[in-house]
Amino acid sequence: MTQPAADLTARRMAPATDRNRAPILAVLRDALPKTGTVLEIASGTGQHAVYFAAALPGLTWQPSDLDATHRESIAAWTAHDKVANVRPPLAVDVRQEPWGIDAVDAIVCINMIHIAPWAAADALFAGAGRRLSAGGVLYLYGPYRRNGAHTAPSNEAFDRQLRVADADWGVRDMEAVIALGAAQGLTCAEPIPMPANNFSLVFRKAG
């Protein structure tokens, strides 16, 4: 059956999503609770949201994105894949309250904090500290510097590209990110190396 042109146009695609979604899901299966509500920050196209929600049916997935085109794409992917446990996307800017949701069991944020001002990372952790239930999880994925150095030449080149695009962007120091979590009572487990020189960071709120 031919898909409507409007549906194809609305459903945006990010090639990196197809490459990283399976390794990320493997971490999320262990890190996230089996039931509850997951808020995804900066959901982008929505490909991750429908993929993770379909694989983790005990969870209710709440996507969000500040970009209206992305929210349209998220809704289109949800309708296309017929995923019942994905809510309509919220327009969330982590630097501004309210977010539209006050209590969650987990927060997932993939590839955001290096493509946003440092103030956004600070606000993300502050918001997570207020909203996560006891034992709740904040999951971050992306490239990081460690001990002040890039982990690969490709990440160093990527960092330069980001800073040319916006001086407030850039690959973040893992230690600084972990310190943001500690300030909000969120303890980071051992960083998990991921493909393409990325890392998964799993923070947990004290229970």
Foldseek 3Di string as FASTA:
>chain_A
DDDDPVLVVLQDDDVVCVVFLVVVLVVCVVQADLAWEEEEEQCFLLPSVQVNCVVRVRYQYEYEEQDPSSLSSNVSVCVVSVRPRYDRYFNAQLLDDDRPDAATQEYEYEPDCQLDAVSSLLSVLVSCLRHHDAFGKYKYKDAAAEPPHGPDPVQVVVQVVSCVVPVRGGHYHPVVSQVSNVVSQWHWDPWAADPPRMIMIMTTHHD
